[in-house]
Amino acid sequence: MSRRIATAAAAALALALPLGAAAQGTLKIGFPMILSGPGALFGEPTVKGAQMLVDEVNAKGGVAGKKLQLVVRDTKGNADEAVRVTRELILKENVDFVVGTLTSAEGPAVSPIAKENKIVFIAPITKTDQLTSPANLHPYVFRTAATTTTEGRSAAEVIAKWKQVKTVGTISYDYAYGQDVTKSFVEHLKKIRPDISIVDQQWPKLGEQEYTPFINAQMGKKPDAIFSSLWGGGFVTYAKQAKPVGLFDAVKYNFVAAGEAGSVESAKAMGQDYPFGIWANSYDVFNWDAGPKSHKDYIARIKAYTKEEVPSSWPLVGYMAMQALVAAIEKAKSTENDKVAAALLGISWESPIGKQTIRAKDHNANRGQFWGKMQKDAKLPFATMSQIQYVDPLPFMD
């Protein structure tokens, strides 16, 4: 009888304890991220940034009395695979929170899984407006990335300053991110430069490897400038195919490349094949001389952590998403998802690039991007950004 009572008591205690690693003094964060294929160019350094934040927090004793642990899975850049590994992380690995996904196909696919399981999901990279649109918004989804609205509009502001430009072509992948960012770009450009005409739009599929037909078709329309949102290894391949046939010369380097084509990763991957002279954006730049001390300190730490003399651009996105999660746990004084989700609404924290705030009305952070002209660097074998401008997204967020 006493043995049955003891067994029943133990079972009741087990049911009362929270599931997952939190009960054992560790908070497990599921991190679904693309680690294979062209997108790994951005996914791998993103994981490094997240892990650096985890190591820094753990070195100080953790958060809420618990150490953090990243549980990383490769999404392969595929929405179905992202859903599969996220379910596995939640149901088999018993992770306490989810931070991750890269593409604008993955993020919206994973968000309903977070809603279904009532688990906080922070997207550090996914930009499509669809992720947090009124129809898709729910209490557990948050974004620390830029959005397609802010990126497209800020790109339009760059081209709008080129008074000699009267016609523009666009090239973007034919899926949520490419469609949304291009729509935002075109609508804002027409608003601020109604004299400009969109004379051509090209829509390669995500993962395309042969861009010559798209390049030839676009050159045939003879635009004065081109807007691109091709990203990762895709932009690298496109630019290597476009440069020899004279596309960049044809538009006199009046080319604006969104999709973080100005990142160190893209520049390193292309070396001397980079189309020097175009304008591009990046989530981070190592040479932001006008930046705050917090950014210079971060650059020094990430250089030491990754042992790279010129640090990558993408670790910052993983780092900042994890900062937001830790700040919310501290604010909530709890590891319960409902309380952490509530704490994320309107939360502010000091990031390496300055104060970030997740707006309660749309669950989006005020995440800006860097824009600049890509130039040869006598000291480095790849392009670096000059005329650096950190664009405040707030004027473009509504």
Protein backbone atom coordinates (compact mmCIF):
# COMPACT_ATOMS: atom_id res chain seq x y z
CA MET A 1 0.00 0.00 0.00
CA SER A 2 2.73 2.47 0.95
CA ARG A 3 4.56 1.63 -2.29
CA ARG A 4 1.41 2.40 -4.34
CA ILE A 5 0.94 5.69 -2.49
CA ALA A 6 4.55 6.66 -3.09
CA THR A 7 4.25 5.77 -6.78
CA ALA A 8 1.02 7.79 -7.12
CA ALA A 9 2.63 10.78 -5.40
CA ALA A 10 5.63 10.62 -7.70
CA ALA A 11 3.36 10.50 -10.75
CA ALA A 12 1.37 13.49 -9.51
CA LEU A 13 4.58 15.44 -8.93
CA ALA A 14 5.80 14.60 -12.44
CA LEU A 15 2.55 15.92 -13.92
CA ALA A 16 2.85 19.11 -11.89
CA LEU A 17 6.34 19.87 -13.16
CA PRO A 18 6.78 21.71 -16.48
CA LEU A 19 7.71 19.50 -19.40
CA GLY A 20 11.07 19.78 -21.15
CA ALA A 21 14.48 20.73 -19.94
CA ALA A 22 13.27 23.65 -17.83
CA ALA A 23 12.45 21.20 -15.05
CA GLN A 24 16.06 20.04 -15.02
CA GLY A 25 17.56 23.52 -14.83
CA THR A 26 18.15 24.02 -18.57
CA LEU A 27 16.08 25.97 -21.05
CA LYS A 28 16.16 24.35 -24.48
CA ILE A 29 15.66 26.64 -27.45
CA GLY A 30 14.77 24.96 -30.70
CA PHE A 31 16.62 26.57 -33.59
CA PRO A 32 15.34 25.46 -37.01
CA MET A 33 17.65 27.05 -39.59
CA ILE A 34 18.83 26.39 -43.13
CA LEU A 35 22.27 24.79 -42.94
CA SER A 36 22.55 23.22 -46.40
CA GLY A 37 22.27 24.55 -49.94
CA PRO A 38 22.73 28.20 -50.99
CA GLY A 39 20.89 29.54 -47.93
CA ALA A 40 23.51 28.08 -45.61
CA LEU A 41 25.62 31.10 -46.54
CA PHE A 42 23.41 33.03 -44.11
CA GLY A 43 22.07 30.25 -41.89
CA GLU A 44 25.37 28.99 -40.51
CA PRO A 45 26.63 32.37 -39.23
CA THR A 46 23.17 33.10 -37.78
CA VAL A 47 23.52 30.01 -35.58
CA LYS A 48 26.98 31.17 -34.50
CA GLY A 49 25.57 34.51 -33.34
CA ALA A 50 22.80 32.82 -31.39
CA GLN A 51 25.29 30.46 -29.76
CA MET A 52 27.55 33.36 -28.78
CA LEU A 53 24.66 35.00 -26.93
CA VAL A 54 23.87 31.69 -25.23
CA ASP A 55 27.49 31.34 -24.13
CA GLU A 56 27.59 34.92 -22.83
CA VAL A 57 24.37 34.47 -20.85
CA ASN A 58 25.46 31.10 -19.44
CA ALA A 59 28.82 32.54 -18.40
CA LYS A 60 26.89 34.98 -16.21
CA GLY A 61 24.81 32.26 -14.60
CA GLY A 62 22.02 31.87 -17.16
CA VAL A 63 18.55 33.38 -17.02
CA ALA A 64 15.84 32.74 -14.43
CA GLY A 65 18.30 30.45 -12.69
CA LYS A 66 18.63 28.21 -15.74
CA LYS A 67 21.29 27.68 -18.38
CA LEU A 68 20.39 27.99 -22.05
CA GLN A 69 20.89 25.28 -24.67
CA LEU A 70 20.41 25.63 -28.43
CA VAL A 71 18.98 22.61 -30.24
CA VAL A 72 19.69 23.23 -33.92
CA ARG A 73 18.03 21.49 -36.87
CA ASP A 74 18.56 21.94 -40.62
CA THR A 75 15.42 23.10 -42.44
CA LYS A 76 17.16 22.80 -45.84
CA GLY A 77 15.34 26.00 -46.78
CA ASN A 78 12.18 23.98 -47.33
CA ALA A 79 8.89 24.92 -45.68
CA ASP A 80 7.72 21.32 -45.25
CA GLU A 81 11.05 20.35 -43.71
CA ALA A 82 10.93 23.40 -41.44
CA VAL A 83 7.51 22.26 -40.18
CA ARG A 84 8.73 18.70 -39.69
CA VAL A 85 11.84 19.59 -37.69
CA THR A 86 9.96 22.20 -35.63
CA ARG A 87 7.36 19.59 -34.64
CA GLU A 88 10.19 17.26 -33.76
CA LEU A 89 11.87 19.92 -31.65
CA ILE A 90 8.65 20.61 -29.76
CA LEU A 91 7.26 17.11 -29.38
CA LYS A 92 10.41 14.95 -29.16
CA GLU A 93 13.12 17.30 -27.92
CA ASN A 94 10.68 19.11 -25.61
CA VAL A 95 12.21 22.51 -26.35
CA ASP A 96 10.88 25.38 -24.28
CA PHE A 97 10.92 28.04 -27.04
CA VAL A 98 11.57 28.24 -30.78
CA VAL A 99 13.81 30.80 -32.48
CA GLY A 100 14.62 30.46 -36.14
CA THR A 101 13.74 29.89 -39.82
CA LEU A 102 15.20 31.93 -42.64
CA THR A 103 13.04 32.06 -45.75
CA SER A 104 9.66 33.70 -46.11
CA ALA A 105 8.23 30.30 -46.96
CA GLU A 106 9.52 28.68 -43.76
CA GLY A 107 8.47 31.33 -41.22
CA PRO A 108 4.73 31.45 -42.10
CA ALA A 109 4.68 27.63 -42.25
CA VAL A 110 6.17 27.26 -38.77
CA SER A 111 4.07 29.99 -37.14
CA PRO A 112 0.85 27.88 -36.97
CA ILE A 113 2.86 25.12 -35.25
CA ALA A 114 3.83 27.61 -32.55
CA LYS A 115 0.21 28.70 -32.21
CA GLU A 116 -1.01 25.11 -32.02
CA ASN A 117 1.50 24.22 -29.29
CA LYS A 118 1.30 27.60 -27.51
CA ILE A 119 5.06 28.05 -27.71
CA VAL A 120 6.89 31.33 -28.31
CA PHE A 121 8.35 31.57 -31.82
CA ILE A 122 10.78 34.40 -32.66
CA ALA A 123 11.72 34.83 -36.32
CA PRO A 124 15.16 36.47 -36.67
CA ILE A 125 15.26 36.62 -40.49
CA THR A 126 11.87 35.95 -42.13
CA LYS A 127 10.72 39.25 -43.66
CA THR A 128 7.44 38.64 -45.48
CA ASP A 129 4.65 40.88 -44.19
CA GLN A 130 2.44 37.79 -44.24
CA LEU A 131 4.14 36.43 -41.12
CA THR A 132 2.55 39.05 -38.86
CA SER A 133 -0.33 40.26 -41.01
CA PRO A 134 -3.60 40.77 -39.10
CA ALA A 135 -4.94 37.50 -40.51
CA ASN A 136 -1.91 35.51 -39.34
CA LEU A 137 -0.95 37.28 -36.12
CA HIS A 138 -1.31 35.28 -32.91
CA PRO A 139 0.01 35.59 -29.33
CA TYR A 140 3.13 33.45 -29.84
CA VAL A 141 4.74 34.78 -33.05
CA PHE A 142 7.30 37.62 -33.00
CA ARG A 143 9.84 39.04 -35.42
CA THR A 144 13.21 40.70 -34.79
CA ALA A 145 13.97 40.93 -38.54
CA ALA A 146 13.23 43.73 -40.95
CA THR A 147 10.02 43.37 -42.97
CA THR A 148 9.39 43.36 -46.69
CA THR A 149 7.66 46.72 -46.29
CA THR A 150 10.61 48.43 -44.63
CA GLU A 151 13.17 46.84 -46.95
CA GLY A 152 11.28 47.55 -50.17
CA ARG A 153 10.53 51.14 -49.23
CA SER A 154 14.08 51.89 -48.12
CA ALA A 155 15.39 50.46 -51.42
CA ALA A 156 13.01 52.78 -53.29
CA GLU A 157 14.45 55.72 -51.39
CA VAL A 158 17.91 54.85 -52.75
CA ILE A 159 16.81 54.77 -56.41
CA ALA A 160 14.60 57.84 -55.98
CA LYS A 161 17.73 59.95 -55.41
CA TRP A 162 19.09 59.03 -58.87
CA LYS A 163 17.52 61.83 -60.89
CA GLN A 164 18.83 60.46 -64.20
CA VAL A 165 16.85 57.24 -63.72
CA LYS A 166 13.48 57.18 -65.51
CA THR A 167 12.91 53.45 -66.08
CA VAL A 168 13.42 50.53 -63.70
CA GLY A 169 13.43 46.74 -63.99
CA THR A 170 13.06 44.30 -61.10
CA ILE A 171 14.19 40.73 -60.49
CA SER A 172 13.04 38.71 -57.49
CA TYR A 173 12.30 35.13 -56.57
CA ASP A 174 8.71 34.10 -57.20
CA TYR A 175 7.64 33.38 -53.63
CA ALA A 176 6.44 35.34 -50.59
CA TYR A 177 9.58 37.35 -49.85
CA GLY A 178 10.33 38.26 -53.46
CA GLN A 179 6.72 39.13 -54.24
CA ASP A 180 6.15 41.18 -51.08
CA VAL A 181 9.40 43.15 -51.10
CA THR A 182 9.05 43.95 -54.80
CA LYS A 183 5.45 45.10 -54.34
CA SER A 184 6.55 47.36 -51.48
CA PHE A 185 9.44 48.73 -53.56
CA VAL A 186 7.30 49.46 -56.62
CA GLU A 187 4.45 51.08 -54.69
CA HIS A 188 6.76 53.35 -52.70
CA LEU A 189 8.86 54.30 -55.73
CA LYS A 190 5.75 55.31 -57.68
CA LYS A 191 4.68 57.42 -54.72
CA ILE A 192 7.95 59.33 -54.30
CA ARG A 193 9.02 59.33 -57.99
CA PRO A 194 5.88 59.18 -60.12
CA ASP A 195 7.99 60.01 -63.19
CA ILE A 196 9.70 56.60 -63.03
CA SER A 197 8.23 53.69 -64.99
CA ILE A 198 8.62 49.97 -64.22
CA VAL A 199 9.50 48.55 -67.65
CA ASP A 200 10.28 44.93 -66.78
CA GLN A 201 9.86 42.37 -63.99
CA GLN A 202 11.60 39.00 -63.87
CA TRP A 203 10.53 36.18 -61.52
CA PRO A 204 12.95 33.23 -61.32
CA LYS A 205 11.97 30.40 -59.03
CA LEU A 206 13.62 30.09 -55.61
CA GLY A 207 16.72 27.96 -56.05
CA GLU A 208 17.21 28.89 -59.73
CA GLN A 209 20.73 28.26 -61.02
CA GLU A 210 20.50 29.46 -64.64
CA TYR A 211 19.77 33.19 -64.82
CA THR A 212 20.86 33.87 -68.39
CA PRO A 213 17.31 33.90 -69.86
CA PHE A 214 16.17 36.37 -67.19
CA ILE A 215 19.25 38.55 -67.67
CA ASN A 216 18.86 38.68 -71.45
CA ALA A 217 15.15 39.45 -71.22
CA GLN A 218 15.77 42.29 -68.78
CA MET A 219 18.62 43.78 -70.79
CA GLY A 220 16.35 43.75 -73.83
CA LYS A 221 14.01 46.21 -72.07
CA LYS A 222 16.96 48.59 -71.43
CA PRO A 223 16.03 49.85 -67.94
CA ASP A 224 18.03 52.75 -66.47
CA ALA A 225 18.23 50.91 -63.13
CA ILE A 226 17.47 47.51 -61.64
CA PHE A 227 16.10 46.45 -58.26
CA SER A 228 16.98 42.91 -57.12
CA SER A 229 15.97 40.97 -54.04
CA LEU A 230 17.87 37.79 -54.96
CA TRP A 231 19.72 36.59 -51.89
CA GLY A 232 22.36 34.24 -50.54
CA GLY A 233 24.07 31.91 -52.97
CA GLY A 234 21.38 32.77 -55.52
CA PHE A 235 22.56 36.37 -55.80
CA VAL A 236 26.15 35.18 -56.02
CA THR A 237 25.29 32.92 -58.97
CA TYR A 238 23.16 35.59 -60.67
CA ALA A 239 25.83 38.28 -60.40
CA LYS A 240 28.55 35.96 -61.70
CA GLN A 241 26.38 35.26 -64.76
CA ALA A 242 25.29 38.88 -65.23
CA LYS A 243 28.68 40.58 -64.99
CA PRO A 244 30.37 38.97 -68.04
CA VAL A 245 27.46 39.84 -70.36
CA GLY A 246 27.59 43.49 -69.31
CA LEU A 247 24.36 43.87 -67.36
CA PHE A 248 25.89 46.10 -64.67
CA ASP A 249 27.68 48.20 -67.28
CA ALA A 250 24.43 48.56 -69.22
CA VAL A 251 22.68 50.19 -66.27
CA LYS A 252 25.82 52.16 -65.32
CA TYR A 253 25.84 50.30 -61.99
CA ASN A 254 22.49 51.88 -61.06
CA PHE A 255 21.65 48.59 -59.41
CA VAL A 256 20.07 48.23 -55.95
CA ALA A 257 20.49 44.79 -54.40
CA ALA A 258 18.27 43.98 -51.44
CA GLY A 259 18.32 40.55 -49.80
CA GLU A 260 21.55 41.39 -47.94
CA ALA A 261 23.63 41.28 -51.13
CA GLY A 262 26.02 43.65 -49.35
CA SER A 263 26.75 41.17 -46.59
CA VAL A 264 30.30 40.03 -45.90
CA GLU A 265 29.18 36.48 -46.72
CA SER A 266 28.09 37.44 -50.25
CA ALA A 267 31.16 39.61 -50.80
CA LYS A 268 33.55 36.87 -49.66
CA ALA A 269 31.79 34.27 -51.81
CA MET A 270 32.26 36.41 -54.93
CA GLY A 271 35.69 37.91 -54.36
CA GLN A 272 36.80 39.90 -57.41
CA ASP A 273 33.70 38.80 -59.32
CA TYR A 274 31.56 41.16 -57.23
CA PRO A 275 29.93 43.94 -59.30
CA PHE A 276 31.79 46.79 -57.60
CA GLY A 277 29.80 50.02 -57.69
CA ILE A 278 26.28 48.71 -57.06
CA TRP A 279 24.26 49.65 -53.97
CA ALA A 280 23.33 46.85 -51.58
CA ASN A 281 22.09 46.24 -48.06
CA SER A 282 23.24 44.18 -45.09
CA TYR A 283 22.05 43.37 -41.59
CA ASP A 284 25.45 44.31 -40.19
CA VAL A 285 28.72 45.89 -41.28
CA PHE A 286 32.06 45.51 -39.54
CA ASN A 287 33.25 48.99 -40.57
CA TRP A 288 30.40 51.15 -39.21
CA ASP A 289 32.65 53.93 -37.94
CA ALA A 290 29.68 56.13 -36.99
CA GLY A 291 28.09 53.36 -34.92
CA PRO A 292 27.71 53.27 -31.13
CA LYS A 293 30.28 51.81 -28.75
CA SER A 294 27.99 48.82 -28.20
CA HIS A 295 28.43 47.88 -31.85
CA LYS A 296 32.19 48.23 -31.76
CA ASP A 297 32.26 46.05 -28.65
CA TYR A 298 30.08 43.44 -30.36
CA ILE A 299 32.33 43.39 -33.44
CA ALA A 300 35.35 42.76 -31.22
CA ARG A 301 33.56 39.89 -29.45
CA ILE A 302 32.26 38.22 -32.60
CA LYS A 303 35.72 38.43 -34.19
CA ALA A 304 37.20 36.66 -31.20
CA TYR A 305 34.37 34.14 -31.03
CA THR A 306 34.46 33.11 -34.70
CA LYS A 307 38.20 33.74 -35.11
CA GLU A 308 37.50 35.82 -38.23
CA GLU A 309 39.48 38.98 -38.82
CA VAL A 310 36.55 40.35 -40.84
CA PRO A 311 33.42 39.14 -39.04
CA SER A 312 30.35 37.95 -40.89
CA SER A 313 27.23 40.06 -41.19
CA TRP A 314 24.69 37.46 -40.12
CA PRO A 315 25.63 36.43 -36.57
CA LEU A 316 23.95 39.63 -35.39
CA VAL A 317 20.47 38.45 -36.39
CA GLY A 318 20.75 35.29 -34.31
CA TYR A 319 22.32 37.22 -31.45
CA MET A 320 19.55 39.85 -31.35
CA ALA A 321 16.71 37.32 -31.53
CA MET A 322 18.17 35.50 -28.55
CA GLN A 323 18.59 38.84 -26.75
CA ALA A 324 14.87 39.47 -27.15
CA LEU A 325 13.98 36.06 -25.72
CA VAL A 326 16.29 36.47 -22.72
CA ALA A 327 14.98 39.99 -22.06
CA ALA A 328 11.39 38.67 -22.10
CA ILE A 329 12.18 35.83 -19.68
CA GLU A 330 13.81 38.33 -17.33
CA LYS A 331 10.87 40.73 -17.63
CA ALA A 332 8.31 37.96 -17.09
CA LYS A 333 10.31 36.46 -14.20
CA SER A 334 9.05 33.19 -15.61
CA THR A 335 9.77 30.57 -18.25
CA GLU A 336 6.09 29.90 -18.93
CA ASN A 337 5.30 30.59 -22.58
CA ASP A 338 2.15 32.61 -21.95
CA LYS A 339 4.01 34.92 -19.59
CA VAL A 340 7.05 35.24 -21.86
CA ALA A 341 4.79 35.96 -24.85
CA ALA A 342 3.04 38.71 -22.88
CA ALA A 343 6.40 40.14 -21.84
CA LEU A 344 7.53 40.36 -25.48
CA LEU A 345 4.73 42.81 -26.26
CA GLY A 346 6.31 46.26 -26.28
CA ILE A 347 9.59 44.99 -24.85
CA SER A 348 12.77 47.04 -25.36
CA TRP A 349 16.38 45.97 -25.01
CA GLU A 350 19.79 47.37 -25.85
CA SER A 351 21.20 45.61 -28.89
CA PRO A 352 24.61 46.12 -30.52
CA ILE A 353 23.01 48.49 -33.03
CA GLY A 354 20.98 50.43 -30.47
CA LYS A 355 17.64 50.16 -28.70
CA GLN A 356 15.21 47.65 -30.16
CA THR A 357 11.50 47.51 -29.37
CA ILE A 358 8.95 44.88 -30.38
CA ARG A 359 5.73 46.71 -31.11
CA ALA A 360 2.71 45.33 -29.30
CA LYS A 361 0.37 46.05 -32.21
CA ASP A 362 2.13 43.92 -34.81
CA HIS A 363 4.84 41.95 -32.92
CA ASN A 364 7.58 43.44 -35.14
CA ALA A 365 10.84 44.95 -33.90
CA ASN A 366 12.09 48.28 -35.20
CA ARG A 367 14.90 46.52 -37.07
CA GLY A 368 16.71 48.63 -39.61
CA GLN A 369 19.29 47.68 -42.21
CA PHE A 370 22.51 49.10 -43.59
CA TRP A 371 22.65 50.44 -47.15
CA GLY A 372 25.78 51.49 -48.99
CA LYS A 373 27.83 51.45 -52.17
CA MET A 374 29.95 48.34 -52.65
CA GLN A 375 33.56 49.14 -53.50
CA LYS A 376 36.94 47.49 -53.89
CA ASP A 377 39.02 47.46 -50.74
CA ALA A 378 42.79 47.65 -51.15
CA LYS A 379 43.28 45.77 -47.88
CA LEU A 380 40.82 42.94 -48.53
CA PRO A 381 40.18 40.53 -51.40
CA PHE A 382 36.44 41.25 -51.47
CA ALA A 383 33.99 44.15 -51.67
CA THR A 384 33.19 46.31 -48.65
CA MET A 385 30.43 48.82 -48.07
CA SER A 386 31.10 52.56 -48.30
CA GLN A 387 28.81 55.56 -47.76
CA ILE A 388 27.20 53.46 -45.03
CA GLN A 389 23.70 54.48 -43.98
CA TYR A 390 21.82 52.74 -41.19
CA VAL A 391 18.20 53.25 -42.26
CA ASP A 392 15.72 53.85 -39.45
CA PRO A 393 12.71 51.67 -40.35
CA LEU A 394 10.11 53.56 -38.30
CA PRO A 395 9.08 55.97 -41.09
CA PHE A 396 8.40 52.95 -43.30
CA MET A 397 6.64 50.62 -40.86
CA ASP A 398 3.04 51.80 -41.26
